[in-house]
Amino acid sequence: MTYTATHFLPLHGKNLISVNPNTGEITLTAPLDFEEISIFDFRIEARDKGTPSLSGHCRMELEVLDVN
């Protein structure tokens, strides 16, 4: 299986959120600021290595909480 993140809203979320292509683990690549954006919406696609290749996807919503 390989995993990718697509369809980011807002678009600059693709620079802040990373998905490990081998495990699907979601990590942050930079700090998030509640004051700037409080919700990120994106899709995770999983694709197998068969012939023909099959895929599935899910919608992810990441809510940033204000900890101050």
Protein backbone atom coordinates (compact mmCIF):
# COMPACT_ATOMS: atom_id res chain seq x y z
CA MET A 1 0.00 0.00 0.00
CA THR A 2 1.03 3.58 -0.62
CA TYR A 3 -0.60 6.61 0.98
CA THR A 4 -0.91 10.21 -0.24
CA ALA A 5 -2.66 13.34 1.00
CA THR A 6 -4.67 15.38 -1.51
CA HIS A 7 -7.36 18.08 -1.83
CA PHE A 8 -6.16 20.37 0.96
CA LEU A 9 -8.41 23.16 2.23
CA PRO A 10 -6.91 25.64 2.79
CA LEU A 11 -4.36 24.98 0.06
CA HIS A 12 -1.30 25.88 2.13
CA GLY A 13 -2.13 22.94 4.42
CA LYS A 14 -0.08 20.73 2.10
CA ASN A 15 3.00 22.56 3.38
CA LEU A 16 2.10 21.89 7.03
CA ILE A 17 0.82 18.29 6.98
CA SER A 18 2.74 15.25 5.76
CA VAL A 19 1.66 11.64 5.21
CA ASN A 20 4.21 8.82 5.29
CA PRO A 21 3.73 7.02 1.95
CA ASN A 22 4.55 3.61 3.48
CA THR A 23 2.63 3.69 6.77
CA GLY A 24 -0.01 6.40 6.30
CA GLU A 25 1.15 8.14 9.48
CA ILE A 26 0.11 11.80 9.52
CA THR A 27 2.63 14.29 10.95
CA LEU A 28 3.00 18.06 11.13
CA THR A 29 5.91 19.69 9.33
CA ALA A 30 5.42 23.11 11.01
CA PRO A 31 3.55 24.53 14.00
CA LEU A 32 -0.16 25.26 13.60
CA ASP A 33 -1.72 28.52 14.78
CA PHE A 34 -5.34 28.54 15.95
CA GLU A 35 -5.51 32.30 15.38
CA GLU A 36 -4.59 31.84 11.69
CA ILE A 37 -6.61 28.71 10.72
CA SER A 38 -8.60 26.46 13.03
CA ILE A 39 -9.61 23.63 10.64
CA PHE A 40 -7.75 21.79 7.90
CA ASP A 41 -9.64 19.48 5.56
CA PHE A 42 -7.92 16.97 3.27
CA ARG A 43 -8.17 13.46 1.81
CA ILE A 44 -5.96 10.44 2.35
CA GLU A 45 -5.72 8.05 -0.58
CA ALA A 46 -4.54 4.44 -0.11
CA ARG A 47 -3.46 2.58 -3.25
CA ASP A 48 -2.40 -1.05 -3.52
CA LYS A 49 0.37 -2.36 -5.75
CA GLY A 50 -1.78 -4.81 -7.69
CA THR A 51 -2.42 -4.97 -11.40
CA PRO A 52 -4.66 -3.15 -11.93
CA SER A 53 -4.00 -0.91 -8.94
CA LEU A 54 -7.02 -0.26 -6.70
CA SER A 55 -7.47 2.72 -4.40
CA GLY A 56 -9.70 4.09 -1.69
CA HIS A 57 -9.84 7.38 0.14
CA CYS A 58 -11.15 9.01 3.29
CA ARG A 59 -11.77 12.59 4.32
CA MET A 60 -9.74 13.94 7.24
CA GLU A 61 -10.58 17.00 9.29
CA LEU A 62 -7.90 18.37 11.59
CA GLU A 63 -9.19 20.82 14.19
CA VAL A 64 -6.62 23.10 15.83
CA LEU A 65 -7.43 23.91 19.45
CA ASP A 66 -6.48 27.15 21.20
CA VAL A 67 -4.38 26.19 24.22
CA ASN A 68 -3.89 29.72 25.59
